[in-house]
Amino acid sequence: MDRNALQDLWIGDWISVTLTGARGKFEGIQGDKALISINGQRQLIDPKYLELSDEPLEEESLADLLGIEPEPQSGEVKTPFNNILDLHLEKLPGYSPGSGQTILEYQLKQCRLFIEEIIKRKIGMAVIVHGKGQGVLKDAVIHLTGEFPEIKHHLSRNQGGALELLFYY
């Protein structure tokens, strides 16, 4: 959608975010971005990542208003998934100093599993928090992302403490 098309939207129109697949309601324009309410959270999104969407089924609409996931349909299993991974050791479960792995090896293994899950679910954007430190983990994560052709861009976020990944399928 281009910026001019924003002018044609009505408050309450359903919008899909092409990067993440999320759907929400159009709430207006702020500057050159669209204000979209997704699961009860308001987000400013560049119009190039938006497209007009069909109105969801009644149970999806109710779920959006309440900020909950709709019940799976016809045997489909939906598991919640957070597209943000914090690689700080205290945030990662399961590390054991006696495992024979260094902390860096463990963090990169968790990062690889996270990226593989993002790709499996065809999520368009993810954030990996690596911290600022000496830059060793950041460099290793950037190197790791080069192994995945689905990752087309990475951007530094949080004053250099995180990496935003953009995926294309």
N, C-alpha and C. Protein backbone atom coordinates (compact mmCIF):
# COMPACT_ATOMS: atom_id res chain seq x y z
N MET A 1 0.86 -1.16 0.00
CA MET A 1 0.00 0.00 0.00
C MET A 1 0.91 1.23 0.00
N ASP A 2 0.56 2.23 -0.79
CA ASP A 2 1.37 3.44 -0.78
C ASP A 2 0.74 4.48 0.17
N ARG A 3 1.50 5.54 0.41
CA ARG A 3 1.05 6.56 1.36
C ARG A 3 -0.26 7.21 0.94
N ASN A 4 -0.48 7.36 -0.37
CA ASN A 4 -1.71 7.97 -0.85
C ASN A 4 -2.92 7.10 -0.54
N ALA A 5 -2.74 5.78 -0.58
CA ALA A 5 -3.85 4.86 -0.29
C ALA A 5 -4.31 4.97 1.16
N LEU A 6 -3.43 5.44 2.05
CA LEU A 6 -3.84 5.62 3.45
C LEU A 6 -5.02 6.58 3.56
N GLN A 7 -5.02 7.58 2.71
CA GLN A 7 -6.09 8.58 2.75
C GLN A 7 -7.46 7.97 2.45
N ASP A 8 -7.49 6.84 1.73
CA ASP A 8 -8.75 6.21 1.34
C ASP A 8 -9.28 5.24 2.39
N LEU A 9 -8.48 4.95 3.44
CA LEU A 9 -8.93 4.02 4.46
C LEU A 9 -9.91 4.67 5.42
N TRP A 10 -10.77 3.86 5.98
CA TRP A 10 -11.72 4.28 6.99
C TRP A 10 -11.26 3.76 8.34
N ILE A 11 -11.52 4.52 9.38
CA ILE A 11 -11.24 4.05 10.74
C ILE A 11 -12.02 2.74 10.92
N GLY A 12 -11.33 1.71 11.40
CA GLY A 12 -11.98 0.42 11.62
C GLY A 12 -11.77 -0.58 10.49
N ASP A 13 -11.19 -0.12 9.34
CA ASP A 13 -10.87 -1.07 8.26
C ASP A 13 -9.86 -2.08 8.77
N TRP A 14 -10.00 -3.33 8.33
CA TRP A 14 -9.06 -4.39 8.71
C TRP A 14 -7.86 -4.33 7.79
N ILE A 15 -6.67 -4.42 8.39
CA ILE A 15 -5.40 -4.30 7.68
C ILE A 15 -4.53 -5.50 8.02
N SER A 16 -3.79 -6.01 7.03
CA SER A 16 -2.79 -7.06 7.26
C SER A 16 -1.40 -6.44 7.17
N VAL A 17 -0.51 -6.86 8.07
CA VAL A 17 0.88 -6.42 8.04
C VAL A 17 1.64 -7.50 7.28
N THR A 18 2.17 -7.17 6.12
CA THR A 18 2.80 -8.18 5.26
C THR A 18 4.07 -8.77 5.87
N LEU A 19 4.77 -8.03 6.71
CA LEU A 19 6.00 -8.55 7.32
C LEU A 19 5.73 -9.66 8.33
N THR A 20 4.64 -9.52 9.09
CA THR A 20 4.40 -10.47 10.18
C THR A 20 3.17 -11.33 9.98
N GLY A 21 2.28 -10.92 9.09
CA GLY A 21 1.03 -11.65 8.90
C GLY A 21 -0.03 -11.25 9.91
N ALA A 22 0.28 -10.34 10.81
CA ALA A 22 -0.69 -9.90 11.82
C ALA A 22 -1.78 -9.08 11.16
N ARG A 23 -2.99 -9.13 11.76
CA ARG A 23 -4.10 -8.31 11.28
C ARG A 23 -4.57 -7.40 12.41
N GLY A 24 -4.98 -6.22 12.03
CA GLY A 24 -5.48 -5.28 13.01
C GLY A 24 -6.40 -4.26 12.35
N LYS A 25 -6.86 -3.33 13.16
CA LYS A 25 -7.78 -2.30 12.68
C LYS A 25 -7.05 -0.98 12.49
N PHE A 26 -7.36 -0.33 11.38
CA PHE A 26 -6.82 0.98 11.07
C PHE A 26 -7.44 2.00 12.02
N GLU A 27 -6.57 2.83 12.66
CA GLU A 27 -7.06 3.82 13.60
C GLU A 27 -6.73 5.25 13.19
N GLY A 28 -5.98 5.42 12.11
CA GLY A 28 -5.68 6.77 11.68
C GLY A 28 -4.27 6.88 11.11
N ILE A 29 -3.86 8.13 10.87
CA ILE A 29 -2.55 8.40 10.29
C ILE A 29 -1.81 9.34 11.25
N GLN A 30 -0.55 9.00 11.50
CA GLN A 30 0.31 9.89 12.28
C GLN A 30 1.58 10.10 11.47
N GLY A 31 1.76 11.32 11.01
CA GLY A 31 2.89 11.62 10.14
C GLY A 31 2.72 10.87 8.83
N ASP A 32 3.70 10.04 8.46
CA ASP A 32 3.60 9.26 7.24
C ASP A 32 3.36 7.78 7.53
N LYS A 33 2.93 7.47 8.76
CA LYS A 33 2.69 6.07 9.14
C LYS A 33 1.22 5.87 9.50
N ALA A 34 0.81 4.60 9.39
CA ALA A 34 -0.56 4.24 9.76
C ALA A 34 -0.57 3.76 11.21
N LEU A 35 -1.58 4.16 11.95
CA LEU A 35 -1.76 3.69 13.32
C LEU A 35 -2.71 2.49 13.26
N ILE A 36 -2.19 1.32 13.66
CA ILE A 36 -2.93 0.07 13.57
C ILE A 36 -3.04 -0.53 14.96
N SER A 37 -4.24 -0.98 15.33
CA SER A 37 -4.44 -1.67 16.61
C SER A 37 -4.42 -3.17 16.33
N ILE A 38 -3.40 -3.86 16.91
CA ILE A 38 -3.24 -5.30 16.73
C ILE A 38 -3.27 -5.94 18.10
N ASN A 39 -4.25 -6.79 18.32
CA ASN A 39 -4.40 -7.47 19.62
C ASN A 39 -4.35 -6.50 20.78
N GLY A 40 -5.02 -5.37 20.61
CA GLY A 40 -5.10 -4.39 21.69
C GLY A 40 -3.88 -3.49 21.82
N GLN A 41 -2.87 -3.67 20.99
CA GLN A 41 -1.68 -2.82 21.03
C GLN A 41 -1.66 -1.94 19.79
N ARG A 42 -1.44 -0.65 19.99
CA ARG A 42 -1.39 0.29 18.88
C ARG A 42 0.04 0.40 18.36
N GLN A 43 0.18 0.30 17.04
CA GLN A 43 1.50 0.33 16.42
C GLN A 43 1.50 1.28 15.24
N LEU A 44 2.59 2.02 15.07
CA LEU A 44 2.77 2.86 13.88
C LEU A 44 3.55 2.04 12.86
N ILE A 45 2.97 1.88 11.66
CA ILE A 45 3.57 1.01 10.66
C ILE A 45 3.64 1.73 9.32
N ASP A 46 4.77 1.57 8.65
CA ASP A 46 4.97 2.14 7.32
C ASP A 46 3.94 1.52 6.37
N PRO A 47 3.25 2.33 5.58
CA PRO A 47 2.20 1.81 4.69
C PRO A 47 2.69 0.78 3.68
N LYS A 48 3.99 0.78 3.33
CA LYS A 48 4.47 -0.19 2.35
C LYS A 48 4.37 -1.62 2.87
N TYR A 49 4.20 -1.80 4.20
CA TYR A 49 4.07 -3.13 4.80
C TYR A 49 2.61 -3.48 5.11
N LEU A 50 1.67 -2.72 4.54
CA LEU A 50 0.25 -2.92 4.84
C LEU A 50 -0.54 -3.25 3.60
N GLU A 51 -1.60 -4.03 3.80
CA GLU A 51 -2.57 -4.25 2.74
C GLU A 51 -3.95 -4.39 3.37
N LEU A 52 -4.96 -3.98 2.62
CA LEU A 52 -6.33 -4.09 3.09
C LEU A 52 -6.67 -5.56 3.25
N SER A 53 -7.39 -5.90 4.33
CA SER A 53 -7.68 -7.29 4.63
C SER A 53 -9.19 -7.48 4.74
N ASP A 54 -9.62 -8.73 4.53
CA ASP A 54 -11.02 -9.05 4.75
C ASP A 54 -11.33 -8.98 6.24
N GLU A 55 -12.58 -8.71 6.55
CA GLU A 55 -12.99 -8.73 7.95
C GLU A 55 -12.87 -10.17 8.45
N PRO A 56 -12.25 -10.36 9.63
CA PRO A 56 -12.07 -11.73 10.13
C PRO A 56 -13.39 -12.36 10.53
N LEU A 57 -13.35 -13.67 10.69
CA LEU A 57 -14.51 -14.38 11.19
C LEU A 57 -14.85 -13.85 12.57
N GLU A 58 -16.08 -14.08 13.02
CA GLU A 58 -16.53 -13.53 14.30
C GLU A 58 -15.60 -13.90 15.46
N GLU A 59 -15.17 -15.17 15.52
CA GLU A 59 -14.31 -15.57 16.65
C GLU A 59 -12.93 -14.91 16.57
N GLU A 60 -12.44 -14.64 15.34
CA GLU A 60 -11.17 -13.93 15.21
C GLU A 60 -11.32 -12.48 15.65
N SER A 61 -12.44 -11.87 15.28
CA SER A 61 -12.69 -10.48 15.64
C SER A 61 -12.79 -10.34 17.16
N LEU A 62 -13.50 -11.24 17.80
CA LEU A 62 -13.64 -11.21 19.25
C LEU A 62 -12.27 -11.41 19.90
N ALA A 63 -11.48 -12.32 19.36
CA ALA A 63 -10.15 -12.57 19.91
C ALA A 63 -9.29 -11.31 19.79
N ASP A 64 -9.40 -10.58 18.67
CA ASP A 64 -8.62 -9.36 18.51
C ASP A 64 -9.03 -8.31 19.54
N LEU A 65 -10.32 -8.17 19.75
CA LEU A 65 -10.80 -7.18 20.71
C LEU A 65 -10.36 -7.51 22.12
N LEU A 66 -10.32 -8.79 22.45
CA LEU A 66 -9.93 -9.21 23.79
C LEU A 66 -8.42 -9.40 23.92
N GLY A 67 -7.71 -9.36 22.80
CA GLY A 67 -6.27 -9.54 22.83
C GLY A 67 -5.85 -10.97 23.09
N ILE A 68 -6.65 -11.95 22.60
CA ILE A 68 -6.33 -13.36 22.80
C ILE A 68 -6.25 -14.06 21.46
N GLU A 69 -5.65 -15.23 21.45
CA GLU A 69 -5.57 -16.04 20.23
C GLU A 69 -6.91 -16.76 20.02
N PRO A 70 -7.43 -16.80 18.76
CA PRO A 70 -8.65 -17.56 18.51
C PRO A 70 -8.39 -19.06 18.66
N GLU A 71 -9.45 -19.81 18.92
CA GLU A 71 -9.34 -21.26 19.03
C GLU A 71 -8.95 -21.84 17.68
N PRO A 72 -8.08 -22.85 17.65
CA PRO A 72 -7.71 -23.48 16.39
C PRO A 72 -8.93 -24.11 15.70
N GLN A 73 -8.90 -24.10 14.38
CA GLN A 73 -9.99 -24.66 13.59
C GLN A 73 -9.60 -26.03 13.04
N SER A 74 -10.51 -26.95 13.00
CA SER A 74 -10.40 -28.26 12.35
C SER A 74 -9.05 -28.97 12.58
N GLY A 75 -8.72 -29.19 13.83
CA GLY A 75 -7.54 -29.95 14.16
C GLY A 75 -6.23 -29.18 14.07
N GLU A 76 -6.29 -27.91 13.67
CA GLU A 76 -5.09 -27.08 13.58
C GLU A 76 -4.59 -26.77 14.99
N VAL A 77 -3.29 -26.88 15.18
CA VAL A 77 -2.73 -26.58 16.49
C VAL A 77 -1.95 -25.28 16.39
N LYS A 78 -2.33 -24.30 17.23
CA LYS A 78 -1.64 -23.02 17.24
C LYS A 78 -0.88 -22.90 18.55
N THR A 79 0.40 -22.73 18.44
CA THR A 79 1.20 -22.52 19.63
C THR A 79 1.71 -21.09 19.60
N PRO A 80 1.58 -20.38 20.71
CA PRO A 80 2.08 -19.01 20.72
C PRO A 80 3.60 -19.01 20.51
N PHE A 81 4.08 -17.99 19.84
CA PHE A 81 5.51 -17.90 19.58
C PHE A 81 5.92 -16.44 19.63
N ASN A 82 6.94 -16.16 20.40
CA ASN A 82 7.45 -14.81 20.53
C ASN A 82 8.56 -14.61 19.50
N ASN A 83 8.46 -13.57 18.69
CA ASN A 83 9.46 -13.34 17.66
C ASN A 83 10.63 -12.49 18.17
N ILE A 84 10.82 -12.47 19.49
CA ILE A 84 11.95 -11.78 20.10
C ILE A 84 12.73 -12.80 20.93
N LEU A 85 14.03 -12.88 20.69
CA LEU A 85 14.90 -13.78 21.44
C LEU A 85 15.94 -12.93 22.18
N ASP A 86 15.99 -13.09 23.49
CA ASP A 86 17.00 -12.41 24.31
C ASP A 86 18.09 -13.42 24.61
N LEU A 87 19.30 -13.16 24.14
CA LEU A 87 20.42 -14.09 24.30
C LEU A 87 21.20 -13.89 25.60
N HIS A 88 20.77 -12.98 26.46
CA HIS A 88 21.42 -12.86 27.76
C HIS A 88 21.25 -14.19 28.49
N LEU A 89 22.30 -14.69 29.08
CA LEU A 89 22.31 -16.03 29.66
C LEU A 89 21.20 -16.23 30.70
N GLU A 90 20.92 -15.21 31.49
CA GLU A 90 19.86 -15.34 32.51
C GLU A 90 18.46 -15.46 31.89
N LYS A 91 18.33 -15.11 30.62
CA LYS A 91 17.04 -15.22 29.92
C LYS A 91 16.90 -16.54 29.16
N LEU A 92 18.01 -17.27 29.00
CA LEU A 92 17.98 -18.53 28.26
C LEU A 92 17.91 -19.70 29.24
N PRO A 93 16.87 -20.50 29.15
CA PRO A 93 16.78 -21.66 30.06
C PRO A 93 17.68 -22.80 29.59
N GLY A 94 18.11 -23.60 30.53
CA GLY A 94 18.74 -24.86 30.17
C GLY A 94 20.25 -24.89 30.05
N TYR A 95 20.94 -23.74 30.23
CA TYR A 95 22.39 -23.81 30.12
C TYR A 95 22.99 -24.42 31.38
N SER A 96 23.93 -25.32 31.18
CA SER A 96 24.63 -25.94 32.30
C SER A 96 26.13 -25.81 32.05
N PRO A 97 26.88 -25.25 33.01
CA PRO A 97 28.33 -25.13 32.82
C PRO A 97 29.02 -26.47 32.59
N GLY A 98 28.44 -27.56 33.10
CA GLY A 98 29.04 -28.88 32.92
C GLY A 98 28.67 -29.55 31.61
N SER A 99 27.99 -28.83 30.70
CA SER A 99 27.52 -29.43 29.45
C SER A 99 28.62 -29.60 28.41
N GLY A 100 29.76 -28.97 28.64
CA GLY A 100 30.83 -29.06 27.65
C GLY A 100 30.75 -27.97 26.60
N GLN A 101 29.71 -27.15 26.64
CA GLN A 101 29.55 -26.04 25.70
C GLN A 101 29.97 -24.75 26.37
N THR A 102 30.60 -23.88 25.59
CA THR A 102 30.85 -22.54 26.11
C THR A 102 29.54 -21.78 26.10
N ILE A 103 29.50 -20.68 26.81
CA ILE A 103 28.30 -19.84 26.82
C ILE A 103 27.99 -19.36 25.41
N LEU A 104 29.01 -18.93 24.68
CA LEU A 104 28.82 -18.45 23.31
C LEU A 104 28.24 -19.55 22.42
N GLU A 105 28.76 -20.76 22.52
CA GLU A 105 28.24 -21.87 21.72
C GLU A 105 26.77 -22.12 22.04
N TYR A 106 26.42 -22.07 23.31
CA TYR A 106 25.03 -22.29 23.72
C TYR A 106 24.13 -21.18 23.17
N GLN A 107 24.58 -19.93 23.28
CA GLN A 107 23.79 -18.80 22.78
C GLN A 107 23.57 -18.93 21.27
N LEU A 108 24.60 -19.31 20.54
CA LEU A 108 24.47 -19.44 19.08
C LEU A 108 23.58 -20.61 18.70
N LYS A 109 23.64 -21.69 19.47
CA LYS A 109 22.75 -22.83 19.22
C LYS A 109 21.30 -22.40 19.41
N GLN A 110 21.01 -21.67 20.49
CA GLN A 110 19.66 -21.19 20.73
C GLN A 110 19.22 -20.21 19.64
N CYS A 111 20.14 -19.38 19.19
CA CYS A 111 19.86 -18.43 18.12
C CYS A 111 19.51 -19.16 16.83
N ARG A 112 20.27 -20.20 16.49
CA ARG A 112 20.01 -20.98 15.28
C ARG A 112 18.62 -21.64 15.36
N LEU A 113 18.29 -22.24 16.50
CA LEU A 113 16.99 -22.88 16.67
C LEU A 113 15.86 -21.86 16.52
N PHE A 114 16.07 -20.67 17.08
CA PHE A 114 15.09 -19.58 16.99
C PHE A 114 14.86 -19.18 15.53
N ILE A 115 15.95 -18.96 14.79
CA ILE A 115 15.84 -18.56 13.38
C ILE A 115 15.15 -19.66 12.57
N GLU A 116 15.49 -20.90 12.82
CA GLU A 116 14.86 -22.00 12.10
C GLU A 116 13.36 -22.04 12.38
N GLU A 117 12.95 -21.75 13.61
CA GLU A 117 11.52 -21.74 13.95
C GLU A 117 10.81 -20.56 13.28
N ILE A 118 11.47 -19.41 13.24
CA ILE A 118 10.91 -18.24 12.55
C ILE A 118 10.65 -18.59 11.09
N ILE A 119 11.62 -19.24 10.45
CA ILE A 119 11.49 -19.61 9.04
C ILE A 119 10.39 -20.65 8.87
N LYS A 120 10.34 -21.63 9.74
CA LYS A 120 9.30 -22.67 9.67
C LYS A 120 7.90 -22.05 9.75
N ARG A 121 7.75 -21.04 10.60
CA ARG A 121 6.45 -20.39 10.77
C ARG A 121 6.21 -19.27 9.76
N LYS A 122 7.21 -19.00 8.93
CA LYS A 122 7.14 -17.96 7.90
C LYS A 122 6.79 -16.59 8.49
N ILE A 123 7.44 -16.26 9.60
CA ILE A 123 7.27 -14.95 10.24
C ILE A 123 8.19 -13.97 9.52
N GLY A 124 7.72 -12.76 9.28
CA GLY A 124 8.45 -11.80 8.47
C GLY A 124 9.51 -10.98 9.18
N MET A 125 9.42 -10.90 10.51
CA MET A 125 10.36 -10.05 11.24
C MET A 125 10.63 -10.67 12.59
N ALA A 126 11.87 -10.57 13.05
CA ALA A 126 12.24 -11.06 14.37
C ALA A 126 13.32 -10.15 14.93
N VAL A 127 13.44 -10.18 16.26
CA VAL A 127 14.47 -9.38 16.94
C VAL A 127 15.30 -10.32 17.80
N ILE A 128 16.61 -10.16 17.70
CA ILE A 128 17.53 -10.92 18.55
C ILE A 128 18.29 -9.91 19.40
N VAL A 129 18.11 -10.02 20.72
CA VAL A 129 18.79 -9.14 21.66
C VAL A 129 20.11 -9.82 22.04
N HIS A 130 21.22 -9.20 21.67
CA HIS A 130 22.53 -9.78 21.95
C HIS A 130 23.29 -8.99 22.99
N GLY A 131 22.83 -7.80 23.32
CA GLY A 131 23.52 -6.95 24.28
C GLY A 131 24.62 -6.16 23.60
N LYS A 132 25.22 -5.25 24.36
CA LYS A 132 26.24 -4.37 23.79
C LYS A 132 27.64 -4.92 24.01
N GLY A 133 28.04 -5.18 25.20
CA GLY A 133 29.31 -5.82 25.51
C GLY A 133 30.47 -5.46 24.61
N GLN A 134 31.30 -6.47 24.28
CA GLN A 134 32.47 -6.28 23.42
C GLN A 134 32.15 -6.49 21.94
N GLY A 135 30.96 -6.94 21.62
CA GLY A 135 30.56 -7.14 20.24
C GLY A 135 30.84 -8.54 19.70
N VAL A 136 31.34 -9.44 20.55
CA VAL A 136 31.66 -10.80 20.10
C VAL A 136 30.38 -11.55 19.72
N LEU A 137 29.39 -11.52 20.60
CA LEU A 137 28.12 -12.21 20.32
C LEU A 137 27.42 -11.56 19.13
N LYS A 138 27.41 -10.25 19.07
CA LYS A 138 26.78 -9.55 17.95
C LYS A 138 27.39 -9.99 16.62
N ASP A 139 28.72 -10.00 16.55
CA ASP A 139 29.41 -10.41 15.32
C ASP A 139 29.07 -11.87 14.96
N ALA A 140 29.02 -12.72 15.98
CA ALA A 140 28.72 -14.14 15.73
C ALA A 140 27.28 -14.30 15.23
N VAL A 141 26.35 -13.52 15.78
CA VAL A 141 24.95 -13.60 15.34
C VAL A 141 24.84 -13.10 13.90
N ILE A 142 25.50 -12.01 13.58
CA ILE A 142 25.47 -11.48 12.21
C ILE A 142 26.05 -12.52 11.24
N HIS A 143 27.14 -13.15 11.63
CA HIS A 143 27.73 -14.21 10.80
C HIS A 143 26.74 -15.36 10.61
N LEU A 144 26.08 -15.76 11.69
CA LEU A 144 25.09 -16.85 11.64
C LEU A 144 23.94 -16.52 10.69
N THR A 145 23.49 -15.29 10.70
CA THR A 145 22.36 -14.91 9.83
C THR A 145 22.70 -15.08 8.35
N GLY A 146 23.97 -14.99 8.02
CA GLY A 146 24.40 -15.16 6.62
C GLY A 146 24.16 -16.57 6.10
N GLU A 147 23.92 -17.53 6.99
CA GLU A 147 23.66 -18.91 6.58
C GLU A 147 22.22 -19.14 6.13
N PHE A 148 21.36 -18.14 6.32
CA PHE A 148 19.94 -18.31 6.02
C PHE A 148 19.54 -17.37 4.88
N PRO A 149 19.29 -17.92 3.67
CA PRO A 149 18.93 -17.05 2.54
C PRO A 149 17.60 -16.33 2.74
N GLU A 150 16.77 -16.81 3.67
CA GLU A 150 15.48 -16.15 3.92
C GLU A 150 15.66 -14.80 4.62
N ILE A 151 16.79 -14.61 5.28
CA ILE A 151 17.06 -13.33 5.95
C ILE A 151 17.64 -12.38 4.91
N LYS A 152 16.87 -11.35 4.58
CA LYS A 152 17.29 -10.43 3.53
C LYS A 152 17.95 -9.17 4.08
N HIS A 153 17.59 -8.78 5.31
CA HIS A 153 18.16 -7.56 5.90
C HIS A 153 18.29 -7.76 7.40
N HIS A 154 19.28 -7.10 7.97
CA HIS A 154 19.35 -6.99 9.42
C HIS A 154 19.68 -5.55 9.76
N LEU A 155 19.02 -5.05 10.80
CA LEU A 155 19.17 -3.66 11.20
C LEU A 155 19.53 -3.61 12.67
N SER A 156 20.41 -2.73 13.03
CA SER A 156 20.78 -2.56 14.43
C SER A 156 19.66 -1.82 15.16
N ARG A 157 19.31 -2.29 16.34
CA ARG A 157 18.25 -1.69 17.16
C ARG A 157 18.75 -1.52 18.59
N ASN A 158 18.01 -0.78 19.40
CA ASN A 158 18.30 -0.58 20.82
C ASN A 158 19.73 -0.08 21.04
N GLN A 159 20.11 0.95 20.32
CA GLN A 159 21.44 1.54 20.41
C GLN A 159 22.55 0.50 20.23
N GLY A 160 22.33 -0.46 19.34
CA GLY A 160 23.34 -1.46 19.02
C GLY A 160 23.27 -2.71 19.87
N GLY A 161 22.26 -2.84 20.73
CA GLY A 161 22.15 -4.00 21.60
C GLY A 161 21.27 -5.10 21.05
N ALA A 162 20.68 -4.87 19.88
CA ALA A 162 19.78 -5.88 19.29
C ALA A 162 19.86 -5.81 17.78
N LEU A 163 19.39 -6.86 17.16
CA LEU A 163 19.39 -6.97 15.71
C LEU A 163 17.97 -7.29 15.26
N GLU A 164 17.41 -6.48 14.37
CA GLU A 164 16.10 -6.76 13.79
C GLU A 164 16.36 -7.46 12.46
N LEU A 165 15.72 -8.61 12.28
CA LEU A 165 15.89 -9.40 11.06
C LEU A 165 14.62 -9.33 10.22
N LEU A 166 14.78 -9.13 8.93
CA LEU A 166 13.64 -9.13 8.01
C LEU A 166 13.77 -10.35 7.10
N PHE A 167 12.71 -11.13 7.06
CA PHE A 167 12.69 -12.38 6.31
C PHE A 167 11.80 -12.23 5.07
N TYR A 168 12.20 -12.83 3.98
CA TYR A 168 11.38 -12.87 2.77
C TYR A 168 11.31 -14.32 2.30
N TYR A 169 10.10 -14.74 1.92
CA TYR A 169 9.89 -16.14 1.52
C TYR A 169 9.44 -16.20 0.08
